[in-house]
Amino acid sequence: MSVLVAAMWGIPHVSRACSCLPPEPPQAAFEQAAAVFVGEASVVVKEVGGDDTLGRNRYEFDVLGFWKGDPPRRVALTSAASSAACGRSFEIGQVYLVYASAGPDGELVDHLCSRTRLRASADEDLEVLGPWQVHGKEAPPTEPSDREPPRIEPPPPADPPATEPPPKQGCTVAAPPPVAVALPLLLAAFRRRRRA
């Protein structure tokens, strides 16, 4: 029996990573977000523990302007520390257009499947969102540039999977590998045969 367990353990396991659908268009992403702002990533603090065994990163942003959520001048946002858990890494000193969601405790969170992107490549979004607010004042309109190509919608899938409908948005996690389900059944059958 120990040989069987060792053999099953030696079978390569498929690791699962974050899998996202293409991001929503700017207007739909805006409507689904709890806060939408432009900010410079200024601080990162790595947090360990809680429900997320991989840990989380807490980022602070200096808010330059916003469209939704009225964030303070410096706002905190968390994301999973690992990209395998759909965590997003922000580079300190870079300016981002952030589409943040509200976490279970009301804190702002972000993930790889959101429409968040560098400000320098967000011309389509800025054109749709229009002028931003700066704590009670409207910012001057931004001029669009040719830095970002027009959005091209992917073709519809030929045959959608029959087992489950695709998620509406966000991250998806695949089912456990068949070996993990089959191993306990094989061990139970093996034990029954030995006893008989």
N, C-alpha and C. Protein backbone atom coordinates (compact mmCIF):
# COMPACT_ATOMS: atom_id res chain seq x y z
N MET A 1 0.82 -1.19 0.00
CA MET A 1 0.00 0.00 0.00
C MET A 1 0.87 1.25 0.00
N SER A 2 1.97 1.23 0.75
CA SER A 2 2.84 2.41 0.78
C SER A 2 3.44 2.68 -0.59
N VAL A 3 3.65 1.61 -1.38
CA VAL A 3 4.16 1.80 -2.74
C VAL A 3 3.12 2.53 -3.59
N LEU A 4 1.84 2.17 -3.41
CA LEU A 4 0.77 2.82 -4.16
C LEU A 4 0.69 4.30 -3.80
N VAL A 5 0.77 4.62 -2.52
CA VAL A 5 0.72 6.02 -2.08
C VAL A 5 1.92 6.77 -2.63
N ALA A 6 3.10 6.18 -2.56
CA ALA A 6 4.31 6.83 -3.07
C ALA A 6 4.20 7.05 -4.58
N ALA A 7 3.64 6.07 -5.29
CA ALA A 7 3.49 6.22 -6.74
C ALA A 7 2.51 7.34 -7.07
N MET A 8 1.42 7.42 -6.32
CA MET A 8 0.44 8.48 -6.57
C MET A 8 1.05 9.85 -6.24
N TRP A 9 1.86 9.90 -5.20
CA TRP A 9 2.49 11.17 -4.81
C TRP A 9 3.47 11.63 -5.89
N GLY A 10 4.09 10.69 -6.58
CA GLY A 10 5.07 11.02 -7.60
C GLY A 10 4.47 11.51 -8.90
N ILE A 11 3.16 11.36 -9.07
CA ILE A 11 2.52 11.84 -10.29
C ILE A 11 2.57 13.36 -10.29
N PRO A 12 2.99 13.97 -11.39
CA PRO A 12 3.05 15.43 -11.41
C PRO A 12 1.68 16.04 -11.17
N HIS A 13 1.66 17.07 -10.36
CA HIS A 13 0.42 17.79 -10.06
C HIS A 13 0.35 19.03 -10.93
N VAL A 14 -0.83 19.34 -11.36
CA VAL A 14 -1.04 20.54 -12.16
C VAL A 14 -1.28 21.69 -11.20
N SER A 15 -0.48 22.73 -11.31
CA SER A 15 -0.72 23.89 -10.46
C SER A 15 -1.72 24.81 -11.14
N ARG A 16 -2.54 25.44 -10.35
CA ARG A 16 -3.57 26.34 -10.87
C ARG A 16 -3.12 27.77 -10.63
N ALA A 17 -3.35 28.60 -11.59
CA ALA A 17 -3.00 30.02 -11.47
C ALA A 17 -4.27 30.84 -11.65
N CYS A 18 -4.12 32.11 -11.42
CA CYS A 18 -5.23 33.04 -11.61
C CYS A 18 -5.64 33.03 -13.08
N SER A 19 -6.93 32.98 -13.32
CA SER A 19 -7.44 32.99 -14.68
C SER A 19 -8.53 34.05 -14.77
N CYS A 20 -8.37 34.99 -15.67
CA CYS A 20 -9.31 36.11 -15.78
C CYS A 20 -9.94 36.17 -17.16
N LEU A 21 -11.16 36.64 -17.19
CA LEU A 21 -11.80 36.99 -18.46
C LEU A 21 -11.24 38.34 -18.88
N PRO A 22 -11.40 38.74 -20.14
CA PRO A 22 -10.95 40.09 -20.52
C PRO A 22 -11.67 41.12 -19.65
N PRO A 23 -11.00 42.22 -19.31
CA PRO A 23 -11.64 43.21 -18.45
C PRO A 23 -12.86 43.83 -19.11
N GLU A 24 -13.77 44.27 -18.27
CA GLU A 24 -14.97 44.96 -18.75
C GLU A 24 -14.57 46.25 -19.45
N PRO A 25 -15.41 46.79 -20.35
CA PRO A 25 -15.14 48.11 -20.92
C PRO A 25 -15.15 49.16 -19.79
N PRO A 26 -14.56 50.34 -20.03
CA PRO A 26 -14.42 51.33 -18.96
C PRO A 26 -15.73 51.67 -18.24
N GLN A 27 -16.83 51.89 -18.97
CA GLN A 27 -18.07 52.29 -18.30
C GLN A 27 -18.61 51.18 -17.40
N ALA A 28 -18.57 49.94 -17.86
CA ALA A 28 -19.04 48.81 -17.04
C ALA A 28 -18.14 48.63 -15.82
N ALA A 29 -16.83 48.75 -16.01
CA ALA A 29 -15.89 48.63 -14.88
C ALA A 29 -16.15 49.74 -13.86
N PHE A 30 -16.44 50.95 -14.35
CA PHE A 30 -16.74 52.08 -13.46
C PHE A 30 -17.98 51.78 -12.62
N GLU A 31 -19.02 51.27 -13.25
CA GLU A 31 -20.27 50.99 -12.55
C GLU A 31 -20.11 49.90 -11.49
N GLN A 32 -19.23 48.93 -11.74
CA GLN A 32 -19.04 47.83 -10.80
C GLN A 32 -18.07 48.16 -9.68
N ALA A 33 -17.23 49.16 -9.85
CA ALA A 33 -16.20 49.49 -8.85
C ALA A 33 -16.79 50.26 -7.67
N ALA A 34 -16.15 50.11 -6.51
CA ALA A 34 -16.53 50.90 -5.34
C ALA A 34 -15.84 52.26 -5.37
N ALA A 35 -14.64 52.30 -5.96
CA ALA A 35 -13.90 53.56 -6.08
C ALA A 35 -13.08 53.52 -7.36
N VAL A 36 -13.02 54.65 -8.05
CA VAL A 36 -12.20 54.79 -9.27
C VAL A 36 -11.39 56.06 -9.09
N PHE A 37 -10.05 55.91 -9.13
CA PHE A 37 -9.19 57.07 -8.92
C PHE A 37 -7.88 56.92 -9.66
N VAL A 38 -7.18 58.05 -9.81
CA VAL A 38 -5.81 58.06 -10.33
C VAL A 38 -4.93 58.37 -9.13
N GLY A 39 -3.92 57.54 -8.92
CA GLY A 39 -3.05 57.76 -7.77
C GLY A 39 -1.66 57.21 -8.00
N GLU A 40 -0.72 57.77 -7.25
CA GLU A 40 0.67 57.31 -7.30
C GLU A 40 0.91 56.34 -6.15
N ALA A 41 1.37 55.13 -6.47
CA ALA A 41 1.68 54.14 -5.44
C ALA A 41 2.87 54.66 -4.64
N SER A 42 2.68 54.81 -3.32
CA SER A 42 3.73 55.43 -2.51
C SER A 42 4.30 54.53 -1.43
N VAL A 43 3.54 53.56 -0.92
CA VAL A 43 4.00 52.70 0.17
C VAL A 43 3.43 51.30 -0.05
N VAL A 44 4.23 50.27 0.27
CA VAL A 44 3.73 48.90 0.27
C VAL A 44 4.12 48.25 1.59
N VAL A 45 3.17 47.54 2.20
CA VAL A 45 3.41 46.81 3.44
C VAL A 45 2.94 45.39 3.21
N LYS A 46 3.82 44.42 3.42
CA LYS A 46 3.45 43.01 3.24
C LYS A 46 2.80 42.52 4.52
N GLU A 47 1.62 41.93 4.39
CA GLU A 47 0.87 41.40 5.54
C GLU A 47 0.76 39.89 5.38
N VAL A 48 0.87 39.17 6.49
CA VAL A 48 0.77 37.72 6.46
C VAL A 48 -0.34 37.32 7.42
N GLY A 49 -1.04 36.24 7.07
CA GLY A 49 -2.06 35.73 7.97
C GLY A 49 -3.45 36.02 7.49
N GLY A 50 -4.40 35.89 8.39
CA GLY A 50 -5.79 36.07 8.03
C GLY A 50 -6.29 34.87 7.25
N ASP A 51 -7.32 35.07 6.47
CA ASP A 51 -7.91 33.98 5.69
C ASP A 51 -7.04 33.61 4.50
N ASP A 52 -6.21 34.52 4.05
CA ASP A 52 -5.38 34.30 2.86
C ASP A 52 -4.03 33.74 3.29
N THR A 53 -3.77 32.46 3.05
CA THR A 53 -2.53 31.84 3.50
C THR A 53 -1.32 32.36 2.74
N LEU A 54 -1.52 32.94 1.58
CA LEU A 54 -0.40 33.47 0.81
C LEU A 54 -0.05 34.89 1.23
N GLY A 55 -0.84 35.50 2.07
CA GLY A 55 -0.58 36.86 2.52
C GLY A 55 -1.18 37.89 1.59
N ARG A 56 -1.09 39.13 2.03
CA ARG A 56 -1.64 40.24 1.25
C ARG A 56 -0.63 41.37 1.29
N ASN A 57 -0.71 42.24 0.30
CA ASN A 57 0.08 43.47 0.29
C ASN A 57 -0.87 44.63 0.48
N ARG A 58 -0.47 45.56 1.33
CA ARG A 58 -1.26 46.77 1.55
C ARG A 58 -0.49 47.92 0.91
N TYR A 59 -1.13 48.59 -0.03
CA TYR A 59 -0.51 49.71 -0.74
C TYR A 59 -1.17 51.01 -0.30
N GLU A 60 -0.39 52.07 -0.29
CA GLU A 60 -0.95 53.39 -0.08
C GLU A 60 -0.73 54.19 -1.35
N PHE A 61 -1.76 54.92 -1.75
CA PHE A 61 -1.72 55.74 -2.96
C PHE A 61 -1.94 57.20 -2.58
N ASP A 62 -1.17 58.08 -3.20
CA ASP A 62 -1.43 59.51 -3.13
C ASP A 62 -2.41 59.80 -4.27
N VAL A 63 -3.65 60.14 -3.92
CA VAL A 63 -4.72 60.31 -4.90
C VAL A 63 -4.55 61.65 -5.61
N LEU A 64 -4.48 61.59 -6.94
CA LEU A 64 -4.36 62.79 -7.77
C LEU A 64 -5.73 63.27 -8.22
N GLY A 65 -6.67 62.36 -8.37
CA GLY A 65 -8.03 62.70 -8.78
C GLY A 65 -8.89 61.46 -8.73
N PHE A 66 -10.22 61.65 -8.74
CA PHE A 66 -11.12 60.50 -8.63
C PHE A 66 -12.42 60.78 -9.38
N TRP A 67 -13.12 59.70 -9.69
CA TRP A 67 -14.43 59.76 -10.33
C TRP A 67 -15.50 59.18 -9.42
N LYS A 68 -15.12 58.24 -8.56
CA LYS A 68 -16.11 57.52 -7.76
C LYS A 68 -15.49 57.16 -6.41
N GLY A 69 -16.29 57.25 -5.36
CA GLY A 69 -15.85 56.78 -4.05
C GLY A 69 -15.29 57.86 -3.13
N ASP A 70 -14.95 59.04 -3.64
CA ASP A 70 -14.40 60.14 -2.84
C ASP A 70 -13.31 59.67 -1.87
N PRO A 71 -12.23 59.06 -2.37
CA PRO A 71 -11.17 58.58 -1.47
C PRO A 71 -10.41 59.75 -0.85
N PRO A 72 -9.80 59.56 0.32
CA PRO A 72 -8.99 60.62 0.92
C PRO A 72 -7.75 60.88 0.06
N ARG A 73 -7.01 61.92 0.39
CA ARG A 73 -5.81 62.25 -0.39
C ARG A 73 -4.79 61.11 -0.39
N ARG A 74 -4.73 60.35 0.69
CA ARG A 74 -3.90 59.13 0.74
C ARG A 74 -4.84 57.99 1.11
N VAL A 75 -4.93 57.00 0.21
CA VAL A 75 -5.87 55.90 0.40
C VAL A 75 -5.11 54.58 0.45
N ALA A 76 -5.60 53.65 1.28
CA ALA A 76 -5.01 52.31 1.38
C ALA A 76 -5.82 51.34 0.52
N LEU A 77 -5.12 50.38 -0.06
CA LEU A 77 -5.74 49.39 -0.93
C LEU A 77 -4.98 48.08 -0.72
N THR A 78 -5.66 46.95 -0.63
CA THR A 78 -4.98 45.67 -0.46
C THR A 78 -5.18 44.78 -1.68
N SER A 79 -4.24 43.86 -1.85
CA SER A 79 -4.30 42.88 -2.92
C SER A 79 -3.56 41.64 -2.45
N ALA A 80 -3.95 40.47 -2.94
CA ALA A 80 -3.23 39.25 -2.59
C ALA A 80 -1.77 39.40 -2.98
N ALA A 81 -0.88 38.82 -2.18
CA ALA A 81 0.56 38.96 -2.43
C ALA A 81 1.03 38.15 -3.63
N SER A 82 0.29 37.12 -3.99
CA SER A 82 0.70 36.23 -5.08
C SER A 82 -0.18 36.44 -6.31
N SER A 83 0.45 36.47 -7.47
CA SER A 83 -0.33 36.58 -8.71
C SER A 83 -1.13 35.29 -8.95
N ALA A 84 -0.71 34.17 -8.37
CA ALA A 84 -1.47 32.92 -8.49
C ALA A 84 -2.82 33.04 -7.79
N ALA A 85 -2.90 33.94 -6.80
CA ALA A 85 -4.16 34.20 -6.10
C ALA A 85 -4.81 35.47 -6.63
N CYS A 86 -4.46 35.85 -7.85
CA CYS A 86 -4.99 37.03 -8.53
C CYS A 86 -4.55 38.34 -7.88
N GLY A 87 -3.44 38.32 -7.16
CA GLY A 87 -2.93 39.54 -6.55
C GLY A 87 -2.21 40.41 -7.57
N ARG A 88 -2.38 41.71 -7.43
CA ARG A 88 -1.74 42.67 -8.33
C ARG A 88 -0.58 43.32 -7.58
N SER A 89 0.55 43.49 -8.26
CA SER A 89 1.70 44.19 -7.69
C SER A 89 1.76 45.58 -8.29
N PHE A 90 1.83 46.58 -7.43
CA PHE A 90 1.96 47.96 -7.87
C PHE A 90 3.41 48.39 -7.66
N GLU A 91 3.96 49.10 -8.63
CA GLU A 91 5.33 49.59 -8.53
C GLU A 91 5.32 50.97 -7.87
N ILE A 92 6.08 51.11 -6.80
CA ILE A 92 6.13 52.37 -6.07
C ILE A 92 6.66 53.47 -7.00
N GLY A 93 6.00 54.62 -6.97
CA GLY A 93 6.38 55.75 -7.81
C GLY A 93 5.62 55.83 -9.12
N GLN A 94 4.93 54.75 -9.50
CA GLN A 94 4.15 54.75 -10.74
C GLN A 94 2.73 55.27 -10.47
N VAL A 95 2.14 55.89 -11.49
CA VAL A 95 0.79 56.44 -11.38
C VAL A 95 -0.17 55.47 -12.08
N TYR A 96 -1.24 55.11 -11.38
CA TYR A 96 -2.20 54.12 -11.87
C TYR A 96 -3.61 54.71 -11.92
N LEU A 97 -4.40 54.19 -12.84
CA LEU A 97 -5.84 54.38 -12.83
C LEU A 97 -6.38 53.12 -12.15
N VAL A 98 -7.00 53.28 -10.98
CA VAL A 98 -7.41 52.14 -10.15
C VAL A 98 -8.93 52.01 -10.13
N TYR A 99 -9.40 50.81 -10.45
CA TYR A 99 -10.80 50.44 -10.29
C TYR A 99 -10.84 49.50 -9.08
N ALA A 100 -11.14 50.02 -7.90
CA ALA A 100 -11.08 49.23 -6.66
C ALA A 100 -12.46 48.71 -6.29
N SER A 101 -12.47 47.52 -5.70
CA SER A 101 -13.70 46.92 -5.16
C SER A 101 -13.70 47.11 -3.65
N ALA A 102 -14.84 46.90 -3.04
CA ALA A 102 -14.94 46.95 -1.58
C ALA A 102 -14.77 45.54 -1.03
N GLY A 103 -13.86 45.38 -0.07
CA GLY A 103 -13.64 44.09 0.58
C GLY A 103 -14.72 43.82 1.62
N PRO A 104 -14.64 42.67 2.30
CA PRO A 104 -15.67 42.30 3.27
C PRO A 104 -15.80 43.30 4.43
N ASP A 105 -14.71 43.96 4.79
CA ASP A 105 -14.75 44.94 5.88
C ASP A 105 -14.88 46.36 5.37
N GLY A 106 -15.17 46.52 4.07
CA GLY A 106 -15.32 47.85 3.50
C GLY A 106 -14.02 48.45 2.99
N GLU A 107 -12.88 47.76 3.22
CA GLU A 107 -11.60 48.27 2.74
C GLU A 107 -11.54 48.13 1.22
N LEU A 108 -10.73 48.96 0.57
CA LEU A 108 -10.58 48.87 -0.88
C LEU A 108 -9.62 47.75 -1.22
N VAL A 109 -9.98 46.94 -2.23
CA VAL A 109 -9.15 45.84 -2.69
C VAL A 109 -9.05 45.89 -4.21
N ASP A 110 -8.00 45.26 -4.73
CA ASP A 110 -7.83 45.18 -6.18
C ASP A 110 -7.26 43.81 -6.51
N HIS A 111 -7.43 43.37 -7.74
CA HIS A 111 -6.94 42.07 -8.19
C HIS A 111 -6.59 42.16 -9.67
N LEU A 112 -5.91 41.14 -10.15
CA LEU A 112 -5.45 41.12 -11.54
C LEU A 112 -6.58 41.16 -12.55
N CYS A 113 -7.77 40.76 -12.17
CA CYS A 113 -8.88 40.69 -13.12
C CYS A 113 -9.62 42.01 -13.26
N SER A 114 -9.25 43.02 -12.50
CA SER A 114 -9.92 44.32 -12.62
C SER A 114 -9.36 45.08 -13.82
N ARG A 115 -9.92 46.22 -14.10
CA ARG A 115 -9.48 47.05 -15.22
C ARG A 115 -8.34 47.99 -14.83
N THR A 116 -7.85 47.94 -13.61
CA THR A 116 -6.75 48.79 -13.15
C THR A 116 -5.58 48.69 -14.11
N ARG A 117 -4.95 49.84 -14.38
CA ARG A 117 -3.80 49.88 -15.29
C ARG A 117 -2.95 51.11 -15.02
N LEU A 118 -1.76 51.13 -15.61
CA LEU A 118 -0.93 52.33 -15.52
C LEU A 118 -1.65 53.50 -16.16
N ARG A 119 -1.52 54.66 -15.58
CA ARG A 119 -2.15 55.88 -16.11
C ARG A 119 -1.68 56.14 -17.54
N ALA A 120 -0.43 55.85 -17.82
CA ALA A 120 0.14 56.11 -19.14
C ALA A 120 -0.51 55.27 -20.24
N SER A 121 -1.19 54.18 -19.88
CA SER A 121 -1.84 53.35 -20.91
C SER A 121 -3.35 53.30 -20.70
N ALA A 122 -3.92 54.36 -20.15
CA ALA A 122 -5.35 54.38 -19.84
C ALA A 122 -6.12 55.42 -20.64
N ASP A 123 -5.66 55.76 -21.83
CA ASP A 123 -6.31 56.82 -22.60
C ASP A 123 -7.77 56.51 -22.92
N GLU A 124 -8.07 55.26 -23.28
CA GLU A 124 -9.46 54.89 -23.57
C GLU A 124 -10.33 55.14 -22.35
N ASP A 125 -9.85 54.74 -21.18
CA ASP A 125 -10.60 54.91 -19.94
C ASP A 125 -10.80 56.39 -19.62
N LEU A 126 -9.74 57.17 -19.72
CA LEU A 126 -9.82 58.60 -19.38
C LEU A 126 -10.78 59.33 -20.31
N GLU A 127 -10.84 58.91 -21.56
CA GLU A 127 -11.77 59.53 -22.50
C GLU A 127 -13.21 59.22 -22.10
N VAL A 128 -13.47 57.98 -21.70
CA VAL A 128 -14.83 57.58 -21.30
C VAL A 128 -15.20 58.21 -19.95
N LEU A 129 -14.28 58.22 -19.00
CA LEU A 129 -14.58 58.72 -17.65
C LEU A 129 -14.71 60.24 -17.60
N GLY A 130 -14.01 60.94 -18.48
CA GLY A 130 -14.09 62.40 -18.49
C GLY A 130 -13.24 63.02 -17.39
N PRO A 131 -13.47 64.32 -17.10
CA PRO A 131 -12.66 65.01 -16.09
C PRO A 131 -12.85 64.40 -14.70
N TRP A 132 -11.77 64.34 -13.94
CA TRP A 132 -11.86 63.79 -12.60
C TRP A 132 -12.06 64.89 -11.57
N GLN A 133 -12.44 64.49 -10.37
CA GLN A 133 -12.62 65.41 -9.25
C GLN A 133 -11.36 65.44 -8.40
N VAL A 134 -11.05 66.60 -7.85
CA VAL A 134 -9.92 66.73 -6.93
C VAL A 134 -10.47 67.33 -5.65
N HIS A 135 -11.00 66.48 -4.78
CA HIS A 135 -11.53 66.89 -3.48
C HIS A 135 -12.30 68.19 -3.55
N GLY A 136 -13.43 68.13 -4.26
CA GLY A 136 -14.34 69.27 -4.33
C GLY A 136 -14.18 70.12 -5.58
N LYS A 137 -13.11 69.92 -6.36
CA LYS A 137 -12.91 70.69 -7.58
C LYS A 137 -12.84 69.73 -8.76
N GLU A 138 -13.23 70.23 -9.91
CA GLU A 138 -13.12 69.43 -11.13
C GLU A 138 -11.76 69.68 -11.76
N ALA A 139 -11.07 68.61 -12.14
CA ALA A 139 -9.77 68.74 -12.78
C ALA A 139 -9.95 69.15 -14.24
N PRO A 140 -8.95 69.79 -14.82
CA PRO A 140 -9.05 70.14 -16.24
C PRO A 140 -9.14 68.87 -17.09
N PRO A 141 -9.84 68.95 -18.23
CA PRO A 141 -9.96 67.75 -19.07
C PRO A 141 -8.59 67.31 -19.58
N THR A 142 -8.47 66.02 -19.77
CA THR A 142 -7.21 65.48 -20.29
C THR A 142 -7.35 65.26 -21.79
N GLU A 143 -6.29 65.52 -22.50
CA GLU A 143 -6.27 65.31 -23.94
C GLU A 143 -5.93 63.86 -24.24
N PRO A 144 -6.73 63.18 -25.04
CA PRO A 144 -6.38 61.80 -25.39
C PRO A 144 -5.14 61.77 -26.29
N SER A 145 -4.44 60.66 -26.23
CA SER A 145 -3.26 60.49 -27.09
C SER A 145 -3.37 59.15 -27.80
N ASP A 146 -2.38 58.83 -28.58
CA ASP A 146 -2.40 57.58 -29.34
C ASP A 146 -1.58 56.49 -28.65
N ARG A 147 -1.36 56.59 -27.34
CA ARG A 147 -0.55 55.61 -26.62
C ARG A 147 -1.24 54.26 -26.47
N GLU A 148 -2.55 54.23 -26.48
CA GLU A 148 -3.27 52.98 -26.29
C GLU A 148 -4.07 52.66 -27.55
N PRO A 149 -3.93 51.45 -28.08
CA PRO A 149 -4.70 51.11 -29.28
C PRO A 149 -6.18 50.99 -28.93
N PRO A 150 -7.05 51.10 -29.92
CA PRO A 150 -8.48 50.95 -29.65
C PRO A 150 -8.79 49.56 -29.13
N ARG A 151 -9.84 49.47 -28.35
CA ARG A 151 -10.24 48.19 -27.76
C ARG A 151 -10.78 47.27 -28.85
N ILE A 152 -10.27 46.06 -28.91
CA ILE A 152 -10.73 45.06 -29.87
C ILE A 152 -11.37 43.94 -29.08
N GLU A 153 -12.63 43.71 -29.34
CA GLU A 153 -13.35 42.66 -28.62
C GLU A 153 -12.91 41.30 -29.14
N PRO A 154 -12.69 40.33 -28.24
CA PRO A 154 -12.33 38.99 -28.69
C PRO A 154 -13.53 38.30 -29.34
N PRO A 155 -13.27 37.38 -30.27
CA PRO A 155 -14.39 36.66 -30.90
C PRO A 155 -15.08 35.78 -29.86
N PRO A 156 -16.37 35.52 -30.03
CA PRO A 156 -17.07 34.66 -29.07
C PRO A 156 -16.52 33.24 -29.15
N PRO A 157 -16.53 32.51 -28.04
CA PRO A 157 -16.02 31.14 -28.07
C PRO A 157 -16.89 30.26 -28.96
N ALA A 158 -16.26 29.29 -29.63
CA ALA A 158 -16.96 28.40 -30.54
C ALA A 158 -17.94 27.50 -29.79
N ASP A 159 -17.47 26.81 -28.77
CA ASP A 159 -18.30 25.93 -27.96
C ASP A 159 -18.06 26.24 -26.49
N PRO A 160 -19.00 26.92 -25.82
CA PRO A 160 -18.79 27.18 -24.40
C PRO A 160 -18.81 25.88 -23.61
N PRO A 161 -18.10 25.82 -22.49
CA PRO A 161 -18.08 24.59 -21.70
C PRO A 161 -19.49 24.23 -21.21
N ALA A 162 -19.81 22.95 -21.28
CA ALA A 162 -21.14 22.49 -20.91
C ALA A 162 -21.28 22.24 -19.42
N THR A 163 -20.16 22.12 -18.69
CA THR A 163 -20.24 21.75 -17.28
C THR A 163 -20.70 22.88 -16.38
N GLU A 164 -20.24 24.09 -16.62
CA GLU A 164 -20.64 25.20 -15.77
C GLU A 164 -20.58 26.49 -16.58
N PRO A 165 -21.48 27.43 -16.28
CA PRO A 165 -21.44 28.70 -17.01
C PRO A 165 -20.22 29.51 -16.61
N PRO A 166 -19.69 30.34 -17.52
CA PRO A 166 -18.51 31.14 -17.18
C PRO A 166 -18.89 32.20 -16.15
N PRO A 167 -17.94 32.58 -15.29
CA PRO A 167 -18.24 33.62 -14.30
C PRO A 167 -18.46 34.96 -15.00
N LYS A 168 -19.21 35.83 -14.33
CA LYS A 168 -19.50 37.14 -14.92
C LYS A 168 -18.27 38.03 -14.91
N GLN A 169 -17.44 37.93 -13.92
CA GLN A 169 -16.23 38.75 -13.85
C GLN A 169 -15.32 38.17 -12.79
N GLY A 170 -14.10 38.66 -12.75
CA GLY A 170 -13.19 38.32 -11.66
C GLY A 170 -12.41 37.06 -11.91
N CYS A 171 -11.88 36.54 -10.85
CA CYS A 171 -10.98 35.40 -10.90
C CYS A 171 -11.77 34.10 -10.84
N THR A 172 -11.22 33.05 -11.46
CA THR A 172 -11.83 31.74 -11.39
C THR A 172 -10.81 30.76 -10.84
N VAL A 173 -11.29 29.77 -10.13
CA VAL A 173 -10.42 28.75 -9.57
C VAL A 173 -10.93 27.42 -10.09
N ALA A 174 -10.04 26.61 -10.65
CA ALA A 174 -10.43 25.33 -11.24
C ALA A 174 -10.69 24.29 -10.16
N ALA A 175 -11.36 23.20 -10.55
CA ALA A 175 -11.65 22.10 -9.63
C ALA A 175 -10.37 21.35 -9.31
N PRO A 176 -10.37 20.55 -8.23
CA PRO A 176 -9.17 19.79 -7.89
C PRO A 176 -8.85 18.78 -8.98
N PRO A 177 -7.58 18.40 -9.11
CA PRO A 177 -7.22 17.43 -10.14
C PRO A 177 -7.90 16.08 -9.86
N PRO A 178 -8.19 15.33 -10.93
CA PRO A 178 -8.89 14.04 -10.77
C PRO A 178 -8.15 13.08 -9.85
N VAL A 179 -6.82 13.17 -9.79
CA VAL A 179 -6.04 12.27 -8.94
C VAL A 179 -6.44 12.47 -7.48
N ALA A 180 -6.68 13.70 -7.07
CA ALA A 180 -7.05 13.99 -5.68
C ALA A 180 -8.39 13.37 -5.33
N VAL A 181 -9.27 13.24 -6.29
CA VAL A 181 -10.58 12.63 -6.05
C VAL A 181 -10.48 11.11 -6.13
N ALA A 182 -9.70 10.60 -7.06
CA ALA A 182 -9.61 9.16 -7.29
C ALA A 182 -8.79 8.44 -6.22
N LEU A 183 -7.79 9.08 -5.64
CA LEU A 183 -6.90 8.44 -4.68
C LEU A 183 -7.66 7.88 -3.48
N PRO A 184 -8.52 8.65 -2.80
CA PRO A 184 -9.24 8.06 -1.66
C PRO A 184 -10.13 6.88 -2.07
N LEU A 185 -10.73 6.94 -3.25
CA LEU A 185 -11.58 5.84 -3.71
C LEU A 185 -10.75 4.58 -3.96
N LEU A 186 -9.58 4.73 -4.57
CA LEU A 186 -8.70 3.58 -4.81
C LEU A 186 -8.22 2.97 -3.50
N LEU A 187 -7.85 3.80 -2.54
CA LEU A 187 -7.40 3.28 -1.25
C LEU A 187 -8.51 2.53 -0.54
N ALA A 188 -9.74 3.04 -0.58
CA ALA A 188 -10.87 2.36 0.06
C ALA A 188 -11.12 1.01 -0.60
N ALA A 189 -11.08 0.95 -1.92
CA ALA A 189 -11.29 -0.31 -2.64
C ALA A 189 -10.18 -1.30 -2.33
N PHE A 190 -8.95 -0.82 -2.24
CA PHE A 190 -7.81 -1.68 -1.94
C PHE A 190 -7.95 -2.28 -0.54
N ARG A 191 -8.37 -1.47 0.42
CA ARG A 191 -8.53 -1.96 1.80
C ARG A 191 -9.66 -2.99 1.87
N ARG A 192 -10.75 -2.76 1.15
CA ARG A 192 -11.86 -3.71 1.16
C ARG A 192 -11.43 -5.06 0.59
N ARG A 193 -10.64 -5.04 -0.45
CA ARG A 193 -10.17 -6.29 -1.07
C ARG A 193 -9.26 -7.05 -0.12
N ARG A 194 -8.40 -6.33 0.60
CA ARG A 194 -7.48 -6.99 1.53
C ARG A 194 -8.24 -7.67 2.66
N ARG A 195 -9.29 -7.04 3.14
CA ARG A 195 -10.07 -7.60 4.25
C ARG A 195 -10.90 -8.80 3.80
N ALA A 196 -11.29 -8.84 2.57
CA ALA A 196 -12.17 -9.91 2.07
C ALA A 196 -11.46 -11.21 1.81
